[in-house]
Structure formats: structure tokens, C-alpha cells
C-alpha atoms as a PDB file:
ATOM      1  CA  MET A   1      84.601 212.975 114.951  1.00  0.00           C
ATOM      2  CA  LYS A   2      83.033 213.014 111.519  1.00  0.00           C
ATOM      3  CA  ALA A   3      82.536 210.064 109.207  1.00  0.00           C
ATOM      4  CA  ASP A   4      80.452 209.629 106.107  1.00  0.00           C
ATOM      5  CA  HIS A   5      76.862 208.765 107.000  1.00  0.00           C
ATOM      6  CA  PHE A   6      76.900 205.706 104.748  1.00  0.00           C
ATOM      7  CA  GLU A   7      80.211 204.577 106.244  1.00  0.00           C
ATOM      8  CA  GLN A   8      78.612 204.735 109.672  1.00  0.00           C
ATOM      9  CA  GLN A   9      75.902 202.369 108.412  1.00  0.00           C
ATOM     10  CA  LYS A  10      78.608 199.754 107.878  1.00  0.00           C
ATOM     11  CA  LEU A  11      79.216 199.717 111.629  1.00  0.00           C
ATOM     12  CA  LEU A  12      75.958 197.807 112.020  1.00  0.00           C
ATOM     13  CA  ALA A  13      77.308 195.002 109.841  1.00  0.00           C
ATOM     14  CA  LEU A  14      80.486 195.036 111.916  1.00  0.00           C
ATOM     15  CA  ALA A  15      78.412 194.851 115.101  1.00  0.00           C
ATOM     16  CA  ASP A  16      76.422 191.925 113.683  1.00  0.00           C
ATOM     17  CA  GLU A  17      79.642 190.007 113.063  1.00  0.00           C
ATOM     18  CA  ASP A  18      80.879 190.803 116.570  1.00  0.00           C
ATOM     19  CA  VAL A  19      77.600 189.546 118.059  1.00  0.00           C
ATOM     20  CA  ALA A  20      77.908 186.338 116.050  1.00  0.00           C
ATOM     21  CA  LEU A  21      81.528 185.859 117.157  1.00  0.00           C
ATOM     22  CA  THR A  22      80.593 186.498 120.787  1.00  0.00           C
ATOM     23  CA  GLN A  23      77.814 183.916 120.565  1.00  0.00           C
ATOM     24  CA  LEU A  24      80.166 181.390 119.002  1.00  0.00           C
ATOM     25  CA  ALA A  25      82.743 181.967 121.743  1.00  0.00           C
ATOM     26  CA  HIS A  26      80.044 181.500 124.382  1.00  0.00           C
ATOM     27  CA  ARG A  27      78.823 178.349 122.679  1.00  0.00           C
ATOM     28  CA  ARG A  28      82.362 176.982 122.653  1.00  0.00           C
ATOM     29  CA  ARG A  29      82.791 177.670 126.376  1.00  0.00           C
ATOM     30  CA  THR A  30      79.460 176.092 127.301  1.00  0.00           C
ATOM     31  CA  LEU A  31      79.365 173.284 124.763  1.00  0.00           C
ATOM     32  CA  PRO A  32      77.211 170.465 126.211  1.00  0.00           C
ATOM     33  CA  GLU A  33      79.242 167.946 124.238  1.00  0.00           C
ATOM     34  CA  VAL A  34      82.292 168.870 126.330  1.00  0.00           C
ATOM     35  CA  ALA A  35      80.351 168.209 129.532  1.00  0.00           C
ATOM     36  CA  ALA A  36      79.177 164.886 128.064  1.00  0.00           C
ATOM     37  CA  VAL A  37      82.796 163.846 127.401  1.00  0.00           C
ATOM     38  CA  GLU A  38      83.784 164.780 130.950  1.00  0.00           C
ATOM     39  CA  ALA A  39      80.839 162.848 132.408  1.00  0.00           C
ATOM     40  CA  ALA A  40      81.627 159.754 130.320  1.00  0.00           C
ATOM     41  CA  ALA A  41      85.328 159.969 131.225  1.00  0.00           C
ATOM     42  CA  GLU A  42      84.431 160.242 134.911  1.00  0.00           C
ATOM     43  CA  ALA A  43      82.160 157.193 134.635  1.00  0.00           C
ATOM     44  CA  GLU A  44      84.934 155.281 132.884  1.00  0.00           C
ATOM     45  CA  ARG A  45      87.361 156.249 135.639  1.00  0.00           C
ATOM     46  CA  ARG A  46      84.967 155.065 138.360  1.00  0.00           C
ATOM     47  CA  PHE A  47      84.402 151.735 136.617  1.00  0.00           C
ATOM     48  CA  ALA A  48      88.159 151.325 136.123  1.00  0.00           C
ATOM     49  CA  GLU A  49      88.716 151.874 139.841  1.00  0.00           C
ATOM     50  CA  ALA A  50      85.945 149.392 140.647  1.00  0.00           C
ATOM     51  CA  GLU A  51      87.569 146.901 138.280  1.00  0.00           C
ATOM     52  CA  VAL A  52      90.922 147.227 140.059  1.00  0.00           C
ATOM     53  CA  ARG A  53      89.239 146.758 143.443  1.00  0.00           C
ATOM     54  CA  ALA A  54      87.349 143.709 142.178  1.00  0.00           C
ATOM     55  CA  GLU A  55      90.478 142.182 140.631  1.00  0.00           C
ATOM     56  CA  THR A  56      92.359 142.693 143.885  1.00  0.00           C
ATOM     57  CA  GLU A  57      89.572 141.076 145.886  1.00  0.00           C
ATOM     58  CA  VAL A  58      89.384 138.137 143.495  1.00  0.00           C
ATOM     59  CA  ARG A  59      93.133 137.569 143.780  1.00  0.00           C
ATOM     60  CA  ASP A  60      93.038 137.835 147.569  1.00  0.00           C
ATOM     61  CA  LEU A  61      90.097 135.445 147.853  1.00  0.00           C
ATOM     62  CA  ASP A  62      91.659 133.009 145.412  1.00  0.00           C
ATOM     63  CA  ARG A  63      94.911 133.022 147.370  1.00  0.00           C
ATOM     64  CA  GLU A  64      93.114 132.486 150.685  1.00  0.00           C
ATOM     65  CA  GLN A  65      90.906 129.765 149.247  1.00  0.00           C
ATOM     66  CA  LYS A  66      93.950 127.886 147.929  1.00  0.00           C
ATOM     67  CA  ARG A  67      95.599 128.199 151.321  1.00  0.00           C
ATOM     68  CA  LEU A  68      92.536 126.748 153.037  1.00  0.00           C
ATOM     69  CA  GLU A  69      92.275 123.940 150.480  1.00  0.00           C
ATOM     70  CA  ALA A  70      95.935 123.139 151.116  1.00  0.00           C
ATOM     71  CA  ASP A  71      95.207 123.057 154.860  1.00  0.00           C
ATOM     72  CA  VAL A  72      92.285 120.691 154.199  1.00  0.00           C
ATOM     73  CA  ASP A  73      94.535 118.446 152.158  1.00  0.00           C
ATOM     74  CA  THR A  74      97.152 118.465 154.927  1.00  0.00           C
ATOM     75  CA  VAL A  75      94.515 117.483 157.509  1.00  0.00           C
ATOM     76  CA  ARG A  76      93.219 114.701 155.262  1.00  0.00           C
ATOM     77  CA  GLN A  77      96.717 113.310 154.766  1.00  0.00           C
ATOM     78  CA  ARG A  78      97.361 113.394 158.489  1.00  0.00           C
ATOM     79  CA  ALA A  79      94.043 111.644 159.170  1.00  0.00           C
ATOM     80  CA  ALA A  80      94.830 109.055 156.504  1.00  0.00           C
ATOM     81  CA  ARG A  81      98.204 108.301 158.132  1.00  0.00           C
ATOM     82  CA  ASP A  82      96.627 107.980 161.572  1.00  0.00           C
ATOM     83  CA  GLN A  83      93.909 105.688 160.255  1.00  0.00           C
ATOM     84  CA  SER A  84      96.524 103.644 158.402  1.00  0.00           C
ATOM     85  CA  ARG A  85      98.465 103.099 161.657  1.00  0.00           C
ATOM     86  CA  ILE A  86      95.295 102.012 163.409  1.00  0.00           C
ATOM     87  CA  ASP A  87      94.361  99.670 160.556  1.00  0.00           C
ATOM     88  CA  SER A  88      97.873  98.180 160.407  1.00  0.00           C
ATOM     89  CA  GLY A  89      97.516  96.710 163.897  1.00  0.00           C
ATOM     90  CA  SER A  90     101.017  97.790 164.818  1.00  0.00           C
ATOM     91  CA  ALA A  91      99.916 100.482 167.287  1.00  0.00           C
ATOM     92  CA  THR A  92      99.506  99.809 170.977  1.00  0.00           C
ATOM     93  CA  ALA A  93      96.163 100.293 172.721  1.00  0.00           C
ATOM     94  CA  LYS A  94      97.357 103.573 174.200  1.00  0.00           C
ATOM     95  CA  GLU A  95      98.558 104.761 170.785  1.00  0.00           C
ATOM     96  CA  ILE A  96      95.255 103.764 169.221  1.00  0.00           C
ATOM     97  CA  THR A  97      93.338 105.772 171.818  1.00  0.00           C
ATOM     98  CA  SER A  98      95.563 108.764 171.125  1.00  0.00           C
ATOM     99  CA  LEU A  99      95.222 108.315 167.366  1.00  0.00           C
ATOM    100  CA  GLN A 100      91.434 108.060 167.586  1.00  0.00           C
ATOM    101  CA  SER A 101      91.318 111.247 169.658  1.00  0.00           C
ATOM    102  CA  GLU A 102      93.497 112.960 167.115  1.00  0.00           C
ATOM    103  CA  LEU A 103      91.282 111.690 164.280  1.00  0.00           C
ATOM    104  CA  GLN A 104      88.254 113.260 165.964  1.00  0.00           C
ATOM    105  CA  SER A 105      90.135 116.526 166.331  1.00  0.00           C
ATOM    106  CA  LEU A 106      91.275 116.357 162.710  1.00  0.00           C
ATOM    107  CA  ALA A 107      87.710 115.681 161.557  1.00  0.00           C
ATOM    108  CA  ARG A 108      86.489 118.781 163.374  1.00  0.00           C
ATOM    109  CA  ARG A 109      89.359 120.782 161.952  1.00  0.00           C
ATOM    110  CA  GLN A 110      88.641 119.498 158.439  1.00  0.00           C
ATOM    111  CA  SER A 111      84.961 120.355 158.777  1.00  0.00           C
ATOM    112  CA  ASP A 112      85.769 123.885 159.910  1.00  0.00           C
ATOM    113  CA  LEU A 113      88.237 124.338 157.067  1.00  0.00           C
ATOM    114  CA  GLU A 114      85.772 123.021 154.483  1.00  0.00           C
ATOM    115  CA  ASP A 115      83.131 125.423 155.775  1.00  0.00           C
ATOM    116  CA  GLN A 116      85.586 128.265 155.348  1.00  0.00           C
ATOM    117  CA  VAL A 117      86.388 127.059 151.839  1.00  0.00           C
ATOM    118  CA  LEU A 118      82.672 127.114 150.959  1.00  0.00           C
ATOM    119  CA  GLU A 119      82.352 130.611 152.398  1.00  0.00           C
ATOM    120  CA  PHE A 120      85.301 131.826 150.312  1.00  0.00           C
ATOM    121  CA  MET A 121      83.859 130.173 147.227  1.00  0.00           C
ATOM    122  CA  GLU A 122      80.617 132.105 147.718  1.00  0.00           C
ATOM    123  CA  ARG A 123      82.547 135.337 148.263  1.00  0.00           C
ATOM    124  CA  ARG A 124      84.582 134.545 145.165  1.00  0.00           C
ATOM    125  CA  GLU A 125      81.400 134.212 143.090  1.00  0.00           C
ATOM    126  CA  THR A 126      80.227 137.600 144.334  1.00  0.00           C
ATOM    127  CA  ALA A 127      83.630 139.141 143.596  1.00  0.00           C
ATOM    128  CA  ASP A 128      83.672 137.585 140.120  1.00  0.00           C
ATOM    129  CA  ALA A 129      80.246 139.066 139.403  1.00  0.00           C
ATOM    130  CA  ALA A 130      81.424 142.475 140.613  1.00  0.00           C
ATOM    131  CA  LEU A 131      84.499 142.197 138.389  1.00  0.00           C
ATOM    132  CA  VAL A 132      82.425 141.335 135.320  1.00  0.00           C
ATOM    133  CA  ALA A 133      80.029 144.216 136.067  1.00  0.00           C
ATOM    134  CA  ALA A 134      82.947 146.653 136.420  1.00  0.00           C
ATOM    135  CA  GLN A 135      84.561 145.426 133.200  1.00  0.00           C
ATOM    136  CA  GLU A 136      81.312 145.706 131.257  1.00  0.00           C
ATOM    137  CA  GLY A 137      80.599 149.120 132.770  1.00  0.00           C
ATOM    138  CA  ARG A 138      84.051 150.391 131.884  1.00  0.00           C
ATOM    139  CA  ALA A 139      83.731 149.120 128.315  1.00  0.00           C
ATOM    140  CA  GLN A 140      80.326 150.775 127.935  1.00  0.00           C
ATOM    141  CA  ALA A 141      81.590 154.033 129.469  1.00  0.00           C
ATOM    142  CA  ALA A 142      84.605 153.985 127.138  1.00  0.00           C
ATOM    143  CA  ALA A 143      82.304 153.542 124.135  1.00  0.00           C
ATOM    144  CA  GLU A 144      80.099 156.402 125.347  1.00  0.00           C
ATOM    145  CA  ARG A 145      83.171 158.577 125.871  1.00  0.00           C
ATOM    146  CA  GLU A 146      84.359 157.874 122.335  1.00  0.00           C
ATOM    147  CA  ARG A 147      80.936 158.757 120.920  1.00  0.00           C
ATOM    148  CA  ALA A 148      80.833 161.912 123.043  1.00  0.00           C
ATOM    149  CA  GLU A 149      84.316 162.875 121.880  1.00  0.00           C
ATOM    150  CA  GLN A 150      83.256 162.503 118.258  1.00  0.00           C
ATOM    151  CA  LEU A 151      80.186 164.681 118.834  1.00  0.00           C
ATOM    152  CA  ARG A 152      82.341 167.220 120.672  1.00  0.00           C
ATOM    153  CA  ASP A 153      84.922 167.284 117.893  1.00  0.00           C
ATOM    154  CA  ASP A 154      82.189 167.711 115.275  1.00  0.00           C
ATOM    155  CA  ALA A 155      80.644 170.577 117.252  1.00  0.00           C
ATOM    156  CA  LEU A 156      84.024 172.258 117.755  1.00  0.00           C
ATOM    157  CA  ALA A 157      84.802 171.887 114.074  1.00  0.00           C
ATOM    158  CA  ASP A 158      81.477 173.495 113.213  1.00  0.00           C
ATOM    159  CA  ILE A 159      82.176 176.350 115.631  1.00  0.00           C
ATOM    160  CA  ALA A 160      85.667 176.803 114.211  1.00  0.00           C
ATOM    161  CA  ASP A 161      84.287 176.895 110.669  1.00  0.00           C
ATOM    162  CA  SER A 162      81.597 179.417 111.600  1.00  0.00           C
ATOM    163  CA  THR A 163      84.108 181.509 113.521  1.00  0.00           C
ATOM    164  CA  ALA A 164      86.449 181.620 110.529  1.00  0.00           C
ATOM    165  CA  ARG A 165      83.584 182.726 108.253  1.00  0.00           C
ATOM    166  CA  HIS A 166      82.469 185.492 110.598  1.00  0.00           C
ATOM    167  CA  GLU A 167      86.037 186.646 111.201  1.00  0.00           C
ATOM    168  CA  ALA A 168      86.554 186.876 107.438  1.00  0.00           C
ATOM    169  CA  ALA A 169      83.282 188.773 107.045  1.00  0.00           C
ATOM    170  CA  ARG A 170      84.252 191.129 109.865  1.00  0.00           C
ATOM    171  CA  ALA A 171      87.653 191.755 108.324  1.00  0.00           C
ATOM    172  CA  GLU A 172      85.993 192.547 105.009  1.00  0.00           C
ATOM    173  CA  VAL A 173      83.648 195.073 106.645  1.00  0.00           C
ATOM    174  CA  ALA A 174      86.463 196.573 108.701  1.00  0.00           C
ATOM    175  CA  ALA A 175      88.557 197.035 105.578  1.00  0.00           C
ATOM    176  CA  GLY A 176      85.893 199.367 104.231  1.00  0.00           C
ATOM    177  CA  LEU A 177      86.032 201.686 107.253  1.00  0.00           C
ATOM    178  CA  SER A 178      88.324 204.594 107.879  1.00  0.00           C
ATOM    179  CA  ALA A 179      91.037 203.965 110.461  1.00  0.00           C
ATOM    180  CA  PRO A 180      89.749 206.589 112.973  1.00  0.00           C
ATOM    181  CA  LEU A 181      86.169 205.264 112.873  1.00  0.00           C
ATOM    182  CA  LEU A 182      87.291 201.661 113.202  1.00  0.00           C
ATOM    183  CA  ALA A 183      89.596 202.568 116.078  1.00  0.00           C
ATOM    184  CA  LEU A 184      86.745 204.320 117.885  1.00  0.00           C
ATOM    185  CA  TYR A 185      84.426 201.361 117.318  1.00  0.00           C
ATOM    186  CA  ASP A 186      86.978 198.884 118.632  1.00  0.00           C
ATOM    187  CA  ARG A 187      87.667 201.046 121.675  1.00  0.00           C
ATOM    188  CA  VAL A 188      83.965 201.271 122.532  1.00  0.00           C
ATOM    189  CA  LYS A 189      83.566 197.538 121.870  1.00  0.00           C
ATOM    190  CA  ALA A 190      86.295 196.806 124.397  1.00  0.00           C
ATOM    191  CA  GLN A 191      84.514 199.003 126.940  1.00  0.00           C
ATOM    192  CA  THR A 192      81.076 197.418 126.468  1.00  0.00           C
ATOM    193  CA  GLY A 193      82.392 193.910 126.048  1.00  0.00           C
ATOM    194  CA  ALA A 194      79.954 193.396 123.202  1.00  0.00           C
ATOM    195  CA  THR A 195      79.685 195.835 120.284  1.00  0.00           C
ATOM    196  CA  GLY A 196      80.891 199.335 119.544  1.00  0.00           C
ATOM    197  CA  ALA A 197      77.834 200.578 117.681  1.00  0.00           C
ATOM    198  CA  ALA A 198      74.083 200.165 117.699  1.00  0.00           C
ATOM    199  CA  VAL A 199      71.201 201.383 115.611  1.00  0.00           C
ATOM    200  CA  LEU A 200      68.979 204.142 116.992  1.00  0.00           C
ATOM    201  CA  LYS A 201      65.464 202.817 116.465  1.00  0.00           C
ATOM    202  CA  ALA A 202      62.259 204.519 117.590  1.00  0.00           C
ATOM    203  CA  ARG A 203      64.361 206.874 119.757  1.00  0.00           C
ATOM    204  CA  GLN A 204      65.878 203.894 121.575  1.00  0.00           C
ATOM    205  CA  CYS A 205      69.504 202.729 121.540  1.00  0.00           C
ATOM    206  CA  GLN A 206      69.330 199.105 120.524  1.00  0.00           C
ATOM    207  CA  GLY A 207      72.587 198.435 122.333  1.00  0.00           C
ATOM    208  CA  CYS A 208      71.471 199.231 125.890  1.00  0.00           C
ATOM    209  CA  ARG A 209      67.708 199.341 125.115  1.00  0.00           C
ATOM    210  CA  ILE A 210      67.347 202.766 126.790  1.00  0.00           C
ATOM    211  CA  GLU A 211      65.252 205.457 125.154  1.00  0.00           C
ATOM    212  CA  LEU A 212      66.911 208.802 124.652  1.00  0.00           C
ATOM    213  CA  ASN A 213      65.481 211.670 126.709  1.00  0.00           C
ATOM    214  CA  GLY A 214      64.364 214.952 125.164  1.00  0.00           C
ATOM    215  CA  ARG A 215      67.742 216.668 125.447  1.00  0.00           C
ATOM    216  CA  GLU A 216      69.666 213.702 124.066  1.00  0.00           C
ATOM    217  CA  LEU A 217      67.199 213.273 121.249  1.00  0.00           C
ATOM    218  CA  ALA A 218      67.426 216.945 120.321  1.00  0.00           C
ATOM    219  CA  ALA A 219      71.210 216.764 120.250  1.00  0.00           C
ATOM    220  CA  VAL A 220      71.142 213.783 117.920  1.00  0.00           C
ATOM    221  CA  ARG A 221      68.431 215.360 115.743  1.00  0.00           C
ATOM    222  CA  ASN A 222      70.430 218.570 115.343  1.00  0.00           C
ATOM    223  CA  ALA A 223      73.763 216.824 114.737  1.00  0.00           C
ATOM    224  CA  ASP A 224      75.260 216.821 111.250  1.00  0.00           C
ATOM    225  CA  PRO A 225      74.442 213.541 109.432  1.00  0.00           C
ATOM    226  CA  HIS A 226      78.168 212.902 109.171  1.00  0.00           C
ATOM    227  CA  GLU A 227      78.834 213.603 112.851  1.00  0.00           C
ATOM    228  CA  VAL A 228      79.563 210.493 114.876  1.00  0.00           C
ATOM    229  CA  VAL A 229      77.169 210.569 117.823  1.00  0.00           C
ATOM    230  CA  ARG A 230      77.198 208.264 120.803  1.00  0.00           C
ATOM    231  CA  CYS A 231      74.705 206.965 123.321  1.00  0.00           C
ATOM    232  CA  GLU A 232      75.203 208.780 126.607  1.00  0.00           C
ATOM    233  CA  ASN A 233      74.103 205.660 128.514  1.00  0.00           C
ATOM    234  CA  CYS A 234      76.272 202.882 127.082  1.00  0.00           C
ATOM    235  CA  GLY A 235      78.770 204.846 125.001  1.00  0.00           C
ATOM    236  CA  ARG A 236      78.043 203.027 121.733  1.00  0.00           C
ATOM    237  CA  ILE A 237      78.142 204.837 118.426  1.00  0.00           C
ATOM    238  CA  LEU A 238      74.553 205.569 117.473  1.00  0.00           C
ATOM    239  CA  VAL A 239      73.821 204.784 113.822  1.00  0.00           C
ATOM    240  CA  ARG A 240      70.891 206.827 112.541  1.00  0.00           C
ATOM    241  CA  THR A 241      68.418 205.422 110.032  1.00  0.00           C
ATOM    242  CA  ALA A 242      64.955 206.250 108.734  1.00  0.00           C
ATOM    243  CA  GLU A 243      63.578 204.301 111.705  1.00  0.00           C
ATOM    244  CA  SER A 244      65.393 206.354 114.329  1.00  0.00           C
ATOM    245  CA  GLY A 245      62.315 208.454 115.081  1.00  0.00           C
ATOM    246  CA  LEU A 246      64.061 211.750 114.640  1.00  0.00           C
END
């Protein structure tokens, strides 16, 4: 294939735009701001789960504590009735003995219940503290997620803006190339996954960084300036300049 020597020079500008677009695409895929959003969202999720667990525990402890307090109140009422019968003088000696025995049993029962109530109150304090910590942690994680999302959106917007500029610049360069040369460049670009052309500098292809051997160098040196030559190692179009070392 032949193409004007100066037209071939334009391929370097096209390659520069493709390199920039590739870098932007890589930056978008590996954006640290995206990872920061995911980390903050994960932290928020963990705190939310901890909050649900703490709320459930608080409700369970509160329900059990109320049940125990009700049992204490029932025991107290029963003890008060028994004591009232003893104090009224209407009970027989046998009944009094039975009532006194029951009062002792009720006192032990009340003491046990009150100890359990105290234990649940302590557990409730711990659960309340855990709930507050989870709520504060979730709120902080949510704020961090929102900040991270803003930074991510700003970074993505910057990438999108840069991508649009480089795509426009590439389109402008491409418009100045002949269809056959552009088609060849794009085909080679697809094969290399990077660019379709590279400058030959100091006898070295700047695409694959491999120096041309004597035979390859002679072939390029003897080729017509308008002949499209390619690197035998990577397949890129070799653009010759005054620095090619020919």
C-alpha cells in the first residue's frame, strides 16, 4: 500500500489520541473513587445490620425485663395479701404457719426475680450502647459514602469530558486520512490492542520497543517514502522521520 509520506505522519497523532483514550478507559475501570464508594457502602451495610441486631436485642431484653418486673409485682401482691391475713388475726395458727412459710418462699422468689431484673437492666445498658454505636457508625458511613460518591461522580465527569475531547480530536485526525490507510491502521490497532502505528526512532519501533535487524532496516531504508511499511515484530505501521536512523 502507498500513502503520502506526510499523510503517514498523521498516524502518529492518531496513535497519540488512541493511547490517551486507552489510558482514560483504564482509569475509568480502576478508578479508586469507585472502590472508595464500595468500601463506604459495605461499611454502611455492616453498621445497618449491627443496628438491626442491636434493636432486636433491646426489644427482646425490654420485653423480658417487663415480664420479670410483672412477676415481681405479682409476688409482692401475693406476699402483701398473705401478710394482711396474718395481721388481720382471722387466720388460724395452722394457717399462719402455712402463710409464714409461703411468705419466706415468696421472699426468696422475689429476691431471685429482682436479681434477674438487675441483670437484664445491665444487659439492656450494654445493648443500648451497642445500638447507639451502630446508629452513629451507620450515619458516619453514610456520610462517607455520599462524599465518596461525589468524588467518584466528579472523577467520572472529568474522564467523560476528557474522553469526548480526545474522541473529537481523533475524529478530526481520522478525517484527514485516506480510507485505505485509516482502515489498515484500525485493523492493526485491533490486532495490537493499543495503536496501529508507531514512529521508527533510532532504528527501533517505538510500539514494541524492538530494534530492527540489518535486513529489516535495509528493507525500510530502500522502501519508497510513500510506501507503507510495517514492523515485522508487532505489525504496526512504521512512520519514518528524520530520527529514524536510516
